[in-house]
Amino acid sequence: MASLPTPITPVTPVTPATTAVPVKTEKPLPFLFHFAAGGIAGTSEILVMYPLDVVKTRFQLQVSGAGGEAYTSIIDCFKKIVKNEGFSRLYRGILPPILVEAPKRAIKFSANEQYSNLFKKIYSEDKMNQSLSIQAGISAGCTEAVVIVPFELVKIRLQDKGNTGKYNGTFDAITKIIKHEGPLALYNGLEATVWRHATWNGGYFGVIFNVRRSLPKAENKQQQLRNNFIAGTIGGTVGTILNTPFDVVKTRIQNDSGTVKKYNWTLPAVKTVAQEEGIGALYKGFVPKVLRLGPGGGILLVVFDQVTKWMQKYLL
């Protein structure tokens, strides 16, 4: 009897073993690194854009029908300041914001990161979305505002032409304010500052989130810089549109050193300015402000991102 053929067992092809390539994950930066990166970003922005801040303050302090020298445009304001007061006047009052830039920007970015993680836990979300970005930005802005109020107040006093000769510099201004108005006067405008920073940060970080997602994916460093600058500039512009009315009344409140104050609380001050000078007065100084904080927001994001990347690469 013929034997049956032995069945052929199919040979399973051997797949060469592949070695898993570990994915490199970035370590979170410690607070002090965020502090340094934020300080570098903020100082870079303010050195480039500060003269526009001086012009913005002059427009915000200009009350319709009050007499005195009037500025008709940004160029007119620049010309009159340089001609009548000297070029250095464009940088008068820069020391207080420079002194506060490191903690201010560190709080802006690191607090935003902390609040982002907090809100993700609260809402049980794995990733950030625009709503969480706005909430985190507003919370970071409120935290930031508390730190910077005295520096903002001194800066406003030094920028006002009407205070020429009254203060001899930053530390003289601090001394005289405490002596004649009391230590708590350094916190005049705290509530308005919270409104200003909450609205700006909420708009800034909320818009950055969406713009970054909408832009083409960056394939190289140059494209990454471009995307950050575009996102930061658009975010800074939207934040400025939202917060300018609060900035105007904050400036009025902080510059008022009289016994009987015309402006006290933010929303009543907004109403007073609108009633007496028109709705447009709430956007006094808007053009120099948006010219500063639009591109300034781009500069902030670009420098902060590059500095933190450098720290991730060389210091961790």
Foldseek 3Di string as FASTA:
>chain_A
DDDDDDDDDDDDDDDDDDDDDDDDDFDDDDLVLLLVLQLVLQVVLCVVQQLLVLLLLQQLPDDPPPDDDDADDSVSSCVCCCVPPNPCLSCALVVLCNVCRSVLRSLQPVQLVVQLVVVCVVVVHPDDALVSQLVSQLVSLLVSLVVRQLSVLLSLLRSDPVCVVVAPGSVSSQVVCCVQPNNCLSNALSQLSSLLRSLLRSQLRSQLRVQLVVDPDDPDDVVVLVSLQQSQLVSQLNSLVRRQLSVSLSSQRSNDPDPDHPRGHRPVSSVVCCVRPNNCSSCGSSVSSSVSRNSSRSSSRSSSVVSVVVCSVPVD
